[in-house]
Amino acid sequence: MSAPPLAVLPFVNDTDLEFFGIGLVVFLLFVLGARFVSNRVVDALRRRNMRSDVVQIGGRVATVVLIVLGIWFAIGFAFRSQNFTLAGILLATIVASFGVQDLLKDYVSGYYVLLERHVRVGDRISMEGVVAGTVEQIKLRVTLLKTESGDLVVVPNAELFNKAVLVHVHAADRVAETSGTPSPAPPE
């Protein structure tokens, strides 16, 4: 005597029902993992003294990303086809690459700004479309300028790298920096 079928619907067999169950379990595991990862992201951002809105957004992004991945994996298990999972991961990768394109551009540009040292802390610079100011700090993603009125301007390094920048220094000072000889003192 065989066991009665588990499926209620005539077009769903027991094997399909088992894979739907596996898909549901996989989804629930991703939901639990999303909560765990979200809490870790929030804790890490708080330790870095980030603003509360950034902490909240960071936790939500981690949760949404993992739940969407969980949906794609669950569908892949439920229909016994990993094509759904691969298509979902590919789609998520494409969307994410467009989303972080500017951020990556700023980091790569910052690397070159720091490496080439055309602009240095203390230089007074002006750019197309940005107010002039004195370079206060050069970070990997942004450069901080202080205007004459005391305002702080945050300039993405991609702007420094892709636009013309006028560096207001005396030619003798810059030559002295590159040759190693001290520049003559300005007349008083």
C-alpha atoms as a PDB file:
ATOM      1  CA  MET A   1       0.000   0.000   0.000  1.00  0.00           C
ATOM      2  CA  SER A   2       1.410   3.392  -0.971  1.00  0.00           C
ATOM      3  CA  ALA A   3       1.173   6.630   0.942  1.00  0.00           C
ATOM      4  CA  PRO A   4      -1.577   9.042  -0.085  1.00  0.00           C
ATOM      5  CA  PRO A   5      -0.457  11.917  -2.289  1.00  0.00           C
ATOM      6  CA  LEU A   6       0.492  15.135  -0.506  1.00  0.00           C
ATOM      7  CA  ALA A   7      -0.614  17.384  -3.326  1.00  0.00           C
ATOM      8  CA  VAL A   8      -4.101  18.786  -3.160  1.00  0.00           C
ATOM      9  CA  LEU A   9      -4.195  19.965  -6.750  1.00  0.00           C
ATOM     10  CA  PRO A  10      -4.271  17.307  -9.478  1.00  0.00           C
ATOM     11  CA  PHE A  11      -1.590  18.999 -11.622  1.00  0.00           C
ATOM     12  CA  VAL A  12       0.942  19.223  -8.733  1.00  0.00           C
ATOM     13  CA  ASN A  13       2.745  15.990  -7.899  1.00  0.00           C
ATOM     14  CA  ASP A  14       4.554  15.125  -4.655  1.00  0.00           C
ATOM     15  CA  THR A  15       8.003  15.927  -6.072  1.00  0.00           C
ATOM     16  CA  ASP A  16       6.891  19.408  -7.113  1.00  0.00           C
ATOM     17  CA  LEU A  17       5.424  19.982  -3.680  1.00  0.00           C
ATOM     18  CA  GLU A  18       8.674  18.896  -2.021  1.00  0.00           C
ATOM     19  CA  PHE A  19      10.673  21.360  -4.124  1.00  0.00           C
ATOM     20  CA  PHE A  20       8.184  24.145  -3.345  1.00  0.00           C
ATOM     21  CA  GLY A  21       8.755  23.324   0.335  1.00  0.00           C
ATOM     22  CA  ILE A  22      12.528  23.462  -0.145  1.00  0.00           C
ATOM     23  CA  GLY A  23      12.134  26.803  -1.896  1.00  0.00           C
ATOM     24  CA  LEU A  24      10.071  28.113   1.017  1.00  0.00           C
ATOM     25  CA  VAL A  25      12.690  26.948   3.520  1.00  0.00           C
ATOM     26  CA  VAL A  26      15.454  28.593   1.460  1.00  0.00           C
ATOM     27  CA  PHE A  27      13.483  31.845   1.387  1.00  0.00           C
ATOM     28  CA  LEU A  28      12.938  31.753   5.149  1.00  0.00           C
ATOM     29  CA  LEU A  29      16.652  31.134   5.690  1.00  0.00           C
ATOM     30  CA  PHE A  30      17.441  34.200   3.568  1.00  0.00           C
ATOM     31  CA  VAL A  31      14.952  36.276   5.588  1.00  0.00           C
ATOM     32  CA  LEU A  32      16.611  35.199   8.841  1.00  0.00           C
ATOM     33  CA  GLY A  33      20.038  35.821   7.315  1.00  0.00           C
ATOM     34  CA  ALA A  34      18.886  39.259   6.177  1.00  0.00           C
ATOM     35  CA  ARG A  35      17.954  40.191   9.735  1.00  0.00           C
ATOM     36  CA  PHE A  36      21.297  38.938  11.019  1.00  0.00           C
ATOM     37  CA  VAL A  37      23.338  40.751   8.344  1.00  0.00           C
ATOM     38  CA  SER A  38      21.239  43.908   8.708  1.00  0.00           C
ATOM     39  CA  ASN A  39      21.951  44.003  12.446  1.00  0.00           C
ATOM     40  CA  ARG A  40      25.682  43.543  11.785  1.00  0.00           C
ATOM     41  CA  VAL A  41      25.682  46.333   9.179  1.00  0.00           C
ATOM     42  CA  VAL A  42      23.839  48.677  11.556  1.00  0.00           C
ATOM     43  CA  ASP A  43      26.284  47.881  14.381  1.00  0.00           C
ATOM     44  CA  ALA A  44      29.292  48.461  12.115  1.00  0.00           C
ATOM     45  CA  LEU A  45      27.928  51.799  10.877  1.00  0.00           C
ATOM     46  CA  ARG A  46      27.166  52.935  14.434  1.00  0.00           C
ATOM     47  CA  ARG A  47      30.714  52.054  15.516  1.00  0.00           C
ATOM     48  CA  ARG A  48      31.974  54.344  12.753  1.00  0.00           C
ATOM     49  CA  ASN A  49      29.759  57.149  14.156  1.00  0.00           C
ATOM     50  CA  MET A  50      27.683  57.466  11.006  1.00  0.00           C
ATOM     51  CA  ARG A  51      24.547  59.602  10.972  1.00  0.00           C
ATOM     52  CA  SER A  52      21.384  57.815  12.043  1.00  0.00           C
ATOM     53  CA  ASP A  53      19.761  58.113   8.607  1.00  0.00           C
ATOM     54  CA  VAL A  54      22.802  56.506   6.953  1.00  0.00           C
ATOM     55  CA  VAL A  55      22.707  53.694   9.520  1.00  0.00           C
ATOM     56  CA  GLN A  56      19.009  53.111   8.834  1.00  0.00           C
ATOM     57  CA  ILE A  57      19.473  53.120   5.049  1.00  0.00           C
ATOM     58  CA  GLY A  58      22.460  50.757   5.305  1.00  0.00           C
ATOM     59  CA  GLY A  59      20.429  48.253   7.309  1.00  0.00           C
ATOM     60  CA  ARG A  60      17.495  48.452   4.906  1.00  0.00           C
ATOM     61  CA  VAL A  61      19.678  48.019   1.826  1.00  0.00           C
ATOM     62  CA  ALA A  62      21.285  44.892   3.302  1.00  0.00           C
ATOM     63  CA  THR A  63      17.851  43.485   4.146  1.00  0.00           C
ATOM     64  CA  VAL A  64      16.345  44.187   0.727  1.00  0.00           C
ATOM     65  CA  VAL A  65      19.333  42.773  -1.167  1.00  0.00           C
ATOM     66  CA  LEU A  66      19.282  39.515   0.771  1.00  0.00           C
ATOM     67  CA  ILE A  67      15.516  39.099   0.577  1.00  0.00           C
ATOM     68  CA  VAL A  68      15.546  39.663  -3.196  1.00  0.00           C
ATOM     69  CA  LEU A  69      18.342  37.108  -3.536  1.00  0.00           C
ATOM     70  CA  GLY A  70      16.317  34.751  -1.347  1.00  0.00           C
ATOM     71  CA  ILE A  71      13.292  35.134  -3.625  1.00  0.00           C
ATOM     72  CA  TRP A  72      15.378  34.288  -6.682  1.00  0.00           C
ATOM     73  CA  PHE A  73      16.973  31.272  -4.994  1.00  0.00           C
ATOM     74  CA  ALA A  74      13.576  30.074  -3.725  1.00  0.00           C
ATOM     75  CA  ILE A  75      12.059  30.344  -7.209  1.00  0.00           C
ATOM     76  CA  GLY A  76      15.047  28.447  -8.583  1.00  0.00           C
ATOM     77  CA  PHE A  77      14.490  25.622  -6.098  1.00  0.00           C
ATOM     78  CA  ALA A  78      10.712  25.598  -6.466  1.00  0.00           C
ATOM     79  CA  PHE A  79      10.824  25.240 -10.246  1.00  0.00           C
ATOM     80  CA  ARG A  80      13.965  23.066 -10.203  1.00  0.00           C
ATOM     81  CA  SER A  81      15.718  25.405 -12.581  1.00  0.00           C
ATOM     82  CA  GLN A  82      18.753  27.415 -11.605  1.00  0.00           C
ATOM     83  CA  ASN A  83      18.191  29.620 -14.654  1.00  0.00           C
ATOM     84  CA  PHE A  84      15.843  31.749 -12.533  1.00  0.00           C
ATOM     85  CA  THR A  85      18.520  32.128  -9.888  1.00  0.00           C
ATOM     86  CA  LEU A  86      21.240  32.986 -12.398  1.00  0.00           C
ATOM     87  CA  ALA A  87      18.970  35.447 -14.205  1.00  0.00           C
ATOM     88  CA  GLY A  88      18.130  37.133 -10.896  1.00  0.00           C
ATOM     89  CA  ILE A  89      21.771  37.386  -9.861  1.00  0.00           C
ATOM     90  CA  LEU A  90      22.702  38.735 -13.292  1.00  0.00           C
ATOM     91  CA  LEU A  91      19.903  41.308 -13.139  1.00  0.00           C
ATOM     92  CA  ALA A  92      20.900  42.353  -9.608  1.00  0.00           C
ATOM     93  CA  THR A  93      24.528  42.689 -10.696  1.00  0.00           C
ATOM     94  CA  ILE A  94      23.624  44.888 -13.638  1.00  0.00           C
ATOM     95  CA  VAL A  95      21.405  47.127 -11.508  1.00  0.00           C
ATOM     96  CA  ALA A  96      24.049  47.372  -8.780  1.00  0.00           C
ATOM     97  CA  SER A  97      26.786  48.207 -11.282  1.00  0.00           C
ATOM     98  CA  PHE A  98      24.774  51.142 -12.588  1.00  0.00           C
ATOM     99  CA  GLY A  99      24.057  52.240  -9.028  1.00  0.00           C
ATOM    100  CA  VAL A 100      27.681  52.303  -7.870  1.00  0.00           C
ATOM    101  CA  GLN A 101      29.211  53.548 -11.110  1.00  0.00           C
ATOM    102  CA  ASP A 102      29.689  57.131  -9.870  1.00  0.00           C
ATOM    103  CA  LEU A 103      30.981  55.962  -6.501  1.00  0.00           C
ATOM    104  CA  LEU A 104      33.615  53.772  -8.136  1.00  0.00           C
ATOM    105  CA  LYS A 105      34.525  56.606 -10.493  1.00  0.00           C
ATOM    106  CA  ASP A 106      35.133  58.872  -7.472  1.00  0.00           C
ATOM    107  CA  TYR A 107      37.342  56.274  -5.744  1.00  0.00           C
ATOM    108  CA  VAL A 108      39.437  55.546  -8.840  1.00  0.00           C
ATOM    109  CA  SER A 109      39.792  59.276  -9.564  1.00  0.00           C
ATOM    110  CA  GLY A 110      40.768  59.865  -5.928  1.00  0.00           C
ATOM    111  CA  TYR A 111      43.483  57.278  -6.243  1.00  0.00           C
ATOM    112  CA  TYR A 112      44.947  59.129  -9.224  1.00  0.00           C
ATOM    113  CA  VAL A 113      44.558  62.555  -7.576  1.00  0.00           C
ATOM    114  CA  LEU A 114      46.516  61.286  -4.570  1.00  0.00           C
ATOM    115  CA  LEU A 115      49.064  59.462  -6.728  1.00  0.00           C
ATOM    116  CA  GLU A 116      49.811  62.267  -9.183  1.00  0.00           C
ATOM    117  CA  ARG A 117      49.779  65.025  -6.520  1.00  0.00           C
ATOM    118  CA  HIS A 118      48.818  67.860  -8.854  1.00  0.00           C
ATOM    119  CA  VAL A 119      46.613  69.211  -6.084  1.00  0.00           C
ATOM    120  CA  ARG A 120      47.897  69.256  -2.514  1.00  0.00           C
ATOM    121  CA  VAL A 121      46.597  70.237   0.898  1.00  0.00           C
ATOM    122  CA  GLY A 122      46.982  73.989   1.291  1.00  0.00           C
ATOM    123  CA  ASP A 123      46.692  74.771  -2.432  1.00  0.00           C
ATOM    124  CA  ARG A 124      44.139  77.360  -3.464  1.00  0.00           C
ATOM    125  CA  ILE A 125      42.204  76.000  -6.435  1.00  0.00           C
ATOM    126  CA  SER A 126      39.249  76.919  -8.614  1.00  0.00           C
ATOM    127  CA  MET A 127      37.284  74.695 -10.955  1.00  0.00           C
ATOM    128  CA  GLU A 128      34.643  74.967 -13.621  1.00  0.00           C
ATOM    129  CA  GLY A 129      31.254  75.195 -11.909  1.00  0.00           C
ATOM    130  CA  VAL A 130      32.648  74.994  -8.357  1.00  0.00           C
ATOM    131  CA  VAL A 131      33.597  77.894  -6.111  1.00  0.00           C
ATOM    132  CA  ALA A 132      37.273  78.521  -5.447  1.00  0.00           C
ATOM    133  CA  GLY A 133      38.775  77.481  -2.163  1.00  0.00           C
ATOM    134  CA  THR A 134      41.758  76.168  -0.257  1.00  0.00           C
ATOM    135  CA  VAL A 135      42.273  72.411  -0.193  1.00  0.00           C
ATOM    136  CA  GLU A 136      41.728  71.306   3.408  1.00  0.00           C
ATOM    137  CA  GLN A 137      41.821  67.549   2.955  1.00  0.00           C
ATOM    138  CA  ILE A 138      42.115  65.048   0.104  1.00  0.00           C
ATOM    139  CA  LYS A 139      40.351  61.767   0.775  1.00  0.00           C
ATOM    140  CA  LEU A 140      40.026  58.776  -1.501  1.00  0.00           C
ATOM    141  CA  ARG A 141      36.475  59.675  -2.603  1.00  0.00           C
ATOM    142  CA  VAL A 142      36.212  63.448  -2.056  1.00  0.00           C
ATOM    143  CA  THR A 143      38.323  66.553  -1.618  1.00  0.00           C
ATOM    144  CA  LEU A 144      37.341  69.166   0.966  1.00  0.00           C
ATOM    145  CA  LEU A 145      37.724  72.840   0.048  1.00  0.00           C
ATOM    146  CA  LYS A 146      37.333  75.809   2.377  1.00  0.00           C
ATOM    147  CA  THR A 147      36.039  78.957   0.707  1.00  0.00           C
ATOM    148  CA  GLU A 148      37.058  82.501   1.626  1.00  0.00           C
ATOM    149  CA  SER A 149      33.795  82.877   3.526  1.00  0.00           C
ATOM    150  CA  GLY A 150      34.660  79.802   5.625  1.00  0.00           C
ATOM    151  CA  ASP A 151      32.210  77.391   3.966  1.00  0.00           C
ATOM    152  CA  LEU A 152      33.281  73.797   3.429  1.00  0.00           C
ATOM    153  CA  VAL A 153      32.771  72.459  -0.111  1.00  0.00           C
ATOM    154  CA  VAL A 154      32.838  68.713  -0.712  1.00  0.00           C
ATOM    155  CA  VAL A 155      34.067  68.004  -4.250  1.00  0.00           C
ATOM    156  CA  PRO A 156      33.900  64.454  -5.636  1.00  0.00           C
ATOM    157  CA  ASN A 157      37.336  63.448  -6.914  1.00  0.00           C
ATOM    158  CA  ALA A 158      35.884  62.576 -10.312  1.00  0.00           C
ATOM    159  CA  GLU A 159      35.260  66.329 -10.712  1.00  0.00           C
ATOM    160  CA  LEU A 160      38.922  67.074  -9.936  1.00  0.00           C
ATOM    161  CA  PHE A 161      40.051  64.386 -12.335  1.00  0.00           C
ATOM    162  CA  ASN A 162      37.734  65.158 -15.276  1.00  0.00           C
ATOM    163  CA  LYS A 163      37.508  68.964 -15.212  1.00  0.00           C
ATOM    164  CA  ALA A 164      40.085  71.676 -15.609  1.00  0.00           C
ATOM    165  CA  VAL A 165      41.453  72.748 -12.222  1.00  0.00           C
ATOM    166  CA  LEU A 166      43.331  76.005 -11.774  1.00  0.00           C
ATOM    167  CA  VAL A 167      45.900  75.698  -8.965  1.00  0.00           C
ATOM    168  CA  HIS A 168      46.797  79.157  -7.588  1.00  0.00           C
ATOM    169  CA  VAL A 169      50.418  78.760  -6.444  1.00  0.00           C
ATOM    170  CA  HIS A 170      53.551  80.656  -7.254  1.00  0.00           C
ATOM    171  CA  ALA A 171      55.565  78.962  -9.991  1.00  0.00           C
ATOM    172  CA  ALA A 172      58.743  79.297  -7.909  1.00  0.00           C
ATOM    173  CA  ASP A 173      57.097  77.405  -5.038  1.00  0.00           C
ATOM    174  CA  ARG A 174      56.053  74.517  -7.292  1.00  0.00           C
ATOM    175  CA  VAL A 175      59.498  74.350  -8.959  1.00  0.00           C
ATOM    176  CA  ALA A 176      61.151  74.298  -5.555  1.00  0.00           C
ATOM    177  CA  GLU A 177      58.910  71.414  -4.488  1.00  0.00           C
ATOM    178  CA  THR A 178      59.866  69.315  -7.511  1.00  0.00           C
ATOM    179  CA  SER A 179      63.600  70.167  -7.598  1.00  0.00           C
ATOM    180  CA  GLY A 180      64.218  69.972  -3.851  1.00  0.00           C
ATOM    181  CA  THR A 181      65.765  73.440  -3.575  1.00  0.00           C
ATOM    182  CA  PRO A 182      64.213  75.917  -1.172  1.00  0.00           C
ATOM    183  CA  SER A 183      62.306  78.775  -2.770  1.00  0.00           C
ATOM    184  CA  PRO A 184      63.490  82.312  -2.107  1.00  0.00           C
ATOM    185  CA  ALA A 185      61.605  84.185   0.555  1.00  0.00           C
ATOM    186  CA  PRO A 186      59.063  86.657  -0.838  1.00  0.00           C
ATOM    187  CA  PRO A 187      60.035  90.331  -0.432  1.00  0.00           C
ATOM    188  CA  GLU A 188      58.353  92.109   2.403  1.00  0.00           C
END
